[in-house]
């Protein structure tokens, strides 16, 4: 079965290749454009409008250089691998290298949490094997929940969670 192609909502001639959503005053609107129309409308510039820059939006999200009000980033603080400073990140929105994530993890953790709603990236599930991966993640979640219950000495709750794990694993030993 062939999928029906969505046509560009602007020129109505070419297949839509770019999808972007915009939320203004709580109203969400979706646009599907071909690459040419998206480029003409500026969709590749994050649809921020002329009054905003990426740096301004990032700056508003991370606050004063991305640091809580009660903390400051020392001026000399930089990535030991590439020498990039946190201030440079705050100004450009980009890190210098992959090791910057570790160098600035105290500051990046709250930022990632605020931007994505969680402090770790899980990615999307692949279509093939999605059920298996979902089951693995559920087992991870239950094992963590059981460990937390044991730490709180909630042994009855831990036993119930253990039984859930056994049901999911087909009674395999844990």
C-alpha atoms as a PDB file:
ATOM      1  CA  UNK A   1       0.000   0.000   0.000  1.00  0.00           C
ATOM      2  CA  UNK A   2       1.368   3.387  -0.947  1.00  0.00           C
ATOM      3  CA  UNK A   3       1.134   6.250   1.468  1.00  0.00           C
ATOM      4  CA  UNK A   4      -0.721   9.315   0.292  1.00  0.00           C
ATOM      5  CA  UNK A   5       1.649  12.273   0.063  1.00  0.00           C
ATOM      6  CA  UNK A   6       0.795  15.455   1.906  1.00  0.00           C
ATOM      7  CA  UNK A   7       1.121  18.385  -0.472  1.00  0.00           C
ATOM      8  CA  UNK A   8       2.622  21.737   0.456  1.00  0.00           C
ATOM      9  CA  UNK A   9      -0.005  23.958   2.075  1.00  0.00           C
ATOM     10  CA  UNK A  10       1.496  27.031   0.441  1.00  0.00           C
ATOM     11  CA  UNK A  11       2.196  26.219  -3.226  1.00  0.00           C
ATOM     12  CA  UNK A  12       0.022  23.066  -3.435  1.00  0.00           C
ATOM     13  CA  UNK A  13       2.441  21.723  -6.068  1.00  0.00           C
ATOM     14  CA  UNK A  14       5.231  19.847  -4.288  1.00  0.00           C
ATOM     15  CA  UNK A  15       5.155  17.223  -1.529  1.00  0.00           C
ATOM     16  CA  UNK A  16       5.416  18.627   1.974  1.00  0.00           C
ATOM     17  CA  UNK A  17       8.788  17.808   3.505  1.00  0.00           C
ATOM     18  CA  UNK A  18       8.810  20.206   6.441  1.00  0.00           C
ATOM     19  CA  UNK A  19       6.353  20.096   9.324  1.00  0.00           C
ATOM     20  CA  UNK A  20       6.401  22.719  12.017  1.00  0.00           C
ATOM     21  CA  UNK A  21       4.056  23.572  14.842  1.00  0.00           C
ATOM     22  CA  UNK A  22       3.542  27.015  16.286  1.00  0.00           C
ATOM     23  CA  UNK A  23       1.773  27.817  19.552  1.00  0.00           C
ATOM     24  CA  UNK A  24       0.560  31.375  20.042  1.00  0.00           C
ATOM     25  CA  UNK A  25      -1.602  32.269  23.052  1.00  0.00           C
ATOM     26  CA  UNK A  26      -2.283  28.587  23.647  1.00  0.00           C
ATOM     27  CA  UNK A  27      -3.484  28.005  20.060  1.00  0.00           C
ATOM     28  CA  UNK A  28      -1.474  25.395  18.153  1.00  0.00           C
ATOM     29  CA  UNK A  29      -1.194  25.540  14.390  1.00  0.00           C
ATOM     30  CA  UNK A  30       0.586  23.051  12.133  1.00  0.00           C
ATOM     31  CA  UNK A  31       2.066  23.823   8.726  1.00  0.00           C
ATOM     32  CA  UNK A  32       3.243  21.363   6.106  1.00  0.00           C
ATOM     33  CA  UNK A  33       5.482  22.916   3.456  1.00  0.00           C
ATOM     34  CA  UNK A  34       7.786  21.854   0.667  1.00  0.00           C
ATOM     35  CA  UNK A  35      11.444  22.662   1.189  1.00  0.00           C
ATOM     36  CA  UNK A  36      11.353  25.731  -1.088  1.00  0.00           C
ATOM     37  CA  UNK A  37       8.310  27.316   0.577  1.00  0.00           C
ATOM     38  CA  UNK A  38       9.689  26.546   4.032  1.00  0.00           C
ATOM     39  CA  UNK A  39      12.924  28.303   3.109  1.00  0.00           C
ATOM     40  CA  UNK A  40      11.003  31.315   1.752  1.00  0.00           C
ATOM     41  CA  UNK A  41       8.897  31.538   4.911  1.00  0.00           C
ATOM     42  CA  UNK A  42      11.952  31.156   7.113  1.00  0.00           C
ATOM     43  CA  UNK A  43      10.867  27.864   8.704  1.00  0.00           C
ATOM     44  CA  UNK A  44      14.503  26.824   8.935  1.00  0.00           C
ATOM     45  CA  UNK A  45      15.120  29.696  11.329  1.00  0.00           C
ATOM     46  CA  UNK A  46      12.837  28.141  13.958  1.00  0.00           C
ATOM     47  CA  UNK A  47       9.958  30.493  13.112  1.00  0.00           C
ATOM     48  CA  UNK A  48      11.030  32.803  15.906  1.00  0.00           C
ATOM     49  CA  UNK A  49      10.132  35.923  14.013  1.00  0.00           C
ATOM     50  CA  UNK A  50      12.402  38.880  13.392  1.00  0.00           C
ATOM     51  CA  UNK A  51      12.223  40.179  16.958  1.00  0.00           C
ATOM     52  CA  UNK A  52      13.866  37.084  18.508  1.00  0.00           C
ATOM     53  CA  UNK A  53      17.210  35.389  18.019  1.00  0.00           C
ATOM     54  CA  UNK A  54      18.089  31.861  19.044  1.00  0.00           C
ATOM     55  CA  UNK A  55      20.463  33.331  21.620  1.00  0.00           C
ATOM     56  CA  UNK A  56      17.673  35.461  23.132  1.00  0.00           C
ATOM     57  CA  UNK A  57      15.316  32.502  23.406  1.00  0.00           C
ATOM     58  CA  UNK A  58      18.025  30.274  24.870  1.00  0.00           C
ATOM     59  CA  UNK A  59      19.040  33.050  27.250  1.00  0.00           C
ATOM     60  CA  UNK A  60      15.483  33.408  28.507  1.00  0.00           C
ATOM     61  CA  UNK A  61      15.244  29.658  29.071  1.00  0.00           C
ATOM     62  CA  UNK A  62      18.508  29.285  30.935  1.00  0.00           C
ATOM     63  CA  UNK A  63      18.303  32.556  32.784  1.00  0.00           C
ATOM     64  CA  UNK A  64      21.409  34.433  33.759  1.00  0.00           C
ATOM     65  CA  UNK A  65      24.023  32.294  31.991  1.00  0.00           C
ATOM     66  CA  UNK A  66      21.960  29.220  32.904  1.00  0.00           C
ATOM     67  CA  UNK A  67      22.781  29.389  36.577  1.00  0.00           C
ATOM     68  CA  UNK A  68      20.287  29.538  39.443  1.00  0.00           C
ATOM     69  CA  UNK A  69      20.181  32.941  41.167  1.00  0.00           C
ATOM     70  CA  UNK A  70      21.991  31.644  44.239  1.00  0.00           C
ATOM     71  CA  UNK A  71      24.954  30.303  42.221  1.00  0.00           C
ATOM     72  CA  UNK A  72      27.440  31.751  39.799  1.00  0.00           C
ATOM     73  CA  UNK A  73      29.711  30.186  37.225  1.00  0.00           C
ATOM     74  CA  UNK A  74      33.304  31.182  37.907  1.00  0.00           C
ATOM     75  CA  UNK A  75      34.643  33.339  35.070  1.00  0.00           C
ATOM     76  CA  UNK A  76      37.560  30.968  34.500  1.00  0.00           C
ATOM     77  CA  UNK A  77      35.455  27.802  34.376  1.00  0.00           C
ATOM     78  CA  UNK A  78      35.941  26.013  31.087  1.00  0.00           C
ATOM     79  CA  UNK A  79      35.949  22.587  29.476  1.00  0.00           C
ATOM     80  CA  UNK A  80      39.320  20.939  30.183  1.00  0.00           C
ATOM     81  CA  UNK A  81      39.296  19.326  26.731  1.00  0.00           C
ATOM     82  CA  UNK A  82      38.433  22.185  24.354  1.00  0.00           C
ATOM     83  CA  UNK A  83      38.667  25.264  26.588  1.00  0.00           C
ATOM     84  CA  UNK A  84      35.123  26.410  25.785  1.00  0.00           C
ATOM     85  CA  UNK A  85      33.540  28.411  28.625  1.00  0.00           C
ATOM     86  CA  UNK A  86      30.027  28.155  29.950  1.00  0.00           C
ATOM     87  CA  UNK A  87      29.569  31.832  29.175  1.00  0.00           C
ATOM     88  CA  UNK A  88      30.353  31.066  25.517  1.00  0.00           C
ATOM     89  CA  UNK A  89      27.658  28.375  25.599  1.00  0.00           C
ATOM     90  CA  UNK A  90      25.155  30.795  27.134  1.00  0.00           C
ATOM     91  CA  UNK A  91      25.880  33.315  24.378  1.00  0.00           C
ATOM     92  CA  UNK A  92      25.963  30.945  21.402  1.00  0.00           C
ATOM     93  CA  UNK A  93      23.645  28.122  22.458  1.00  0.00           C
ATOM     94  CA  UNK A  94      26.314  25.601  21.420  1.00  0.00           C
ATOM     95  CA  UNK A  95      28.897  23.601  23.324  1.00  0.00           C
ATOM     96  CA  UNK A  96      32.484  23.286  22.161  1.00  0.00           C
ATOM     97  CA  UNK A  97      32.823  19.485  22.227  1.00  0.00           C
ATOM     98  CA  UNK A  98      31.174  16.348  23.571  1.00  0.00           C
ATOM     99  CA  UNK A  99      33.149  16.595  26.828  1.00  0.00           C
ATOM    100  CA  UNK A 100      31.555  19.982  27.602  1.00  0.00           C
ATOM    101  CA  UNK A 101      28.453  18.045  28.712  1.00  0.00           C
ATOM    102  CA  UNK A 102      30.463  16.526  31.536  1.00  0.00           C
ATOM    103  CA  UNK A 103      32.351  19.739  32.337  1.00  0.00           C
ATOM    104  CA  UNK A 104      29.134  21.752  32.738  1.00  0.00           C
ATOM    105  CA  UNK A 105      26.763  18.986  33.880  1.00  0.00           C
ATOM    106  CA  UNK A 106      25.754  20.840  37.064  1.00  0.00           C
ATOM    107  CA  UNK A 107      24.458  23.752  35.007  1.00  0.00           C
ATOM    108  CA  UNK A 108      23.163  21.726  32.051  1.00  0.00           C
ATOM    109  CA  UNK A 109      21.132  19.281  34.174  1.00  0.00           C
ATOM    110  CA  UNK A 110      18.476  21.798  35.272  1.00  0.00           C
ATOM    111  CA  UNK A 111      18.426  23.318  31.781  1.00  0.00           C
ATOM    112  CA  UNK A 112      17.815  19.963  30.080  1.00  0.00           C
ATOM    113  CA  UNK A 113      15.161  19.138  32.665  1.00  0.00           C
ATOM    114  CA  UNK A 114      13.420  22.454  32.004  1.00  0.00           C
ATOM    115  CA  UNK A 115      13.606  22.106  28.217  1.00  0.00           C
ATOM    116  CA  UNK A 116      12.693  18.431  27.895  1.00  0.00           C
ATOM    117  CA  UNK A 117      10.859  17.571  31.092  1.00  0.00           C
ATOM    118  CA  UNK A 118      13.445  14.938  32.055  1.00  0.00           C
ATOM    119  CA  UNK A 119      17.154  14.983  32.674  1.00  0.00           C
ATOM    120  CA  UNK A 120      17.990  12.045  30.433  1.00  0.00           C
ATOM    121  CA  UNK A 121      17.482  11.448  26.746  1.00  0.00           C
ATOM    122  CA  UNK A 122      15.610   8.282  25.923  1.00  0.00           C
ATOM    123  CA  UNK A 123      15.085   8.859  22.196  1.00  0.00           C
ATOM    124  CA  UNK A 124      12.241   7.539  20.129  1.00  0.00           C
ATOM    125  CA  UNK A 125      11.336   3.884  19.992  1.00  0.00           C
ATOM    126  CA  UNK A 126      12.162   2.124  16.730  1.00  0.00           C
ATOM    127  CA  UNK A 127       9.205   0.561  14.960  1.00  0.00           C
ATOM    128  CA  UNK A 128      10.888  -2.831  14.941  1.00  0.00           C
ATOM    129  CA  UNK A 129      11.485  -4.105  18.429  1.00  0.00           C
ATOM    130  CA  UNK A 130       9.495  -1.317  20.072  1.00  0.00           C
ATOM    131  CA  UNK A 131       7.537  -3.762  22.232  1.00  0.00           C
ATOM    132  CA  UNK A 132      10.721  -5.399  23.470  1.00  0.00           C
ATOM    133  CA  UNK A 133      12.347  -2.067  24.263  1.00  0.00           C
ATOM    134  CA  UNK A 134       9.197  -0.862  26.025  1.00  0.00           C
ATOM    135  CA  UNK A 135       9.227  -4.042  28.147  1.00  0.00           C
ATOM    136  CA  UNK A 136      12.907  -3.531  28.992  1.00  0.00           C
ATOM    137  CA  UNK A 137      12.196   0.046  30.066  1.00  0.00           C
ATOM    138  CA  UNK A 138       9.231  -1.091  32.155  1.00  0.00           C
ATOM    139  CA  UNK A 139      11.443  -3.664  33.881  1.00  0.00           C
ATOM    140  CA  UNK A 140      14.042  -0.967  34.588  1.00  0.00           C
ATOM    141  CA  UNK A 141      11.336   1.254  36.041  1.00  0.00           C
ATOM    142  CA  UNK A 142       9.926  -1.539  38.222  1.00  0.00           C
ATOM    143  CA  UNK A 143      13.370  -2.587  39.462  1.00  0.00           C
ATOM    144  CA  UNK A 144      14.140   0.990  40.465  1.00  0.00           C
ATOM    145  CA  UNK A 145      10.745   1.275  42.155  1.00  0.00           C
ATOM    146  CA  UNK A 146      11.411  -1.985  44.043  1.00  0.00           C
ATOM    147  CA  UNK A 147      14.854  -0.770  45.152  1.00  0.00           C
ATOM    148  CA  UNK A 148      13.277   2.460  46.401  1.00  0.00           C
ATOM    149  CA  UNK A 149      10.636   0.498  48.318  1.00  0.00           C
ATOM    150  CA  UNK A 150      13.320  -1.681  49.917  1.00  0.00           C
ATOM    151  CA  UNK A 151      15.338   1.382  50.884  1.00  0.00           C
ATOM    152  CA  UNK A 152      12.213   2.852  52.540  1.00  0.00           C
ATOM    153  CA  UNK A 153      11.681  -0.555  54.207  1.00  0.00           C
ATOM    154  CA  UNK A 154       8.280  -0.886  52.501  1.00  0.00           C
ATOM    155  CA  UNK A 155       8.754  -4.627  52.097  1.00  0.00           C
ATOM    156  CA  UNK A 156       5.147  -5.493  51.230  1.00  0.00           C
ATOM    157  CA  UNK A 157       5.209  -2.966  48.394  1.00  0.00           C
ATOM    158  CA  UNK A 158       8.583  -4.348  47.273  1.00  0.00           C
ATOM    159  CA  UNK A 159       7.153  -7.888  47.230  1.00  0.00           C
ATOM    160  CA  UNK A 160       4.224  -6.759  45.065  1.00  0.00           C
ATOM    161  CA  UNK A 161       6.613  -5.091  42.646  1.00  0.00           C
ATOM    162  CA  UNK A 162       8.788  -8.230  42.638  1.00  0.00           C
ATOM    163  CA  UNK A 163       5.713 -10.231  41.638  1.00  0.00           C
ATOM    164  CA  UNK A 164       4.989  -7.770  38.803  1.00  0.00           C
ATOM    165  CA  UNK A 165       8.559  -8.222  37.589  1.00  0.00           C
ATOM    166  CA  UNK A 166       8.176 -12.008  37.682  1.00  0.00           C
ATOM    167  CA  UNK A 167       4.962 -11.793  35.652  1.00  0.00           C
ATOM    168  CA  UNK A 168       6.684  -9.636  33.039  1.00  0.00           C
ATOM    169  CA  UNK A 169       9.723 -11.905  32.822  1.00  0.00           C
ATOM    170  CA  UNK A 170       7.767 -15.139  32.797  1.00  0.00           C
ATOM    171  CA  UNK A 171       8.923 -16.126  36.270  1.00  0.00           C
ATOM    172  CA  UNK A 172      12.641 -15.853  35.511  1.00  0.00           C
ATOM    173  CA  UNK A 173      14.863 -15.483  38.548  1.00  0.00           C
ATOM    174  CA  UNK A 174      15.908 -11.925  39.287  1.00  0.00           C
END
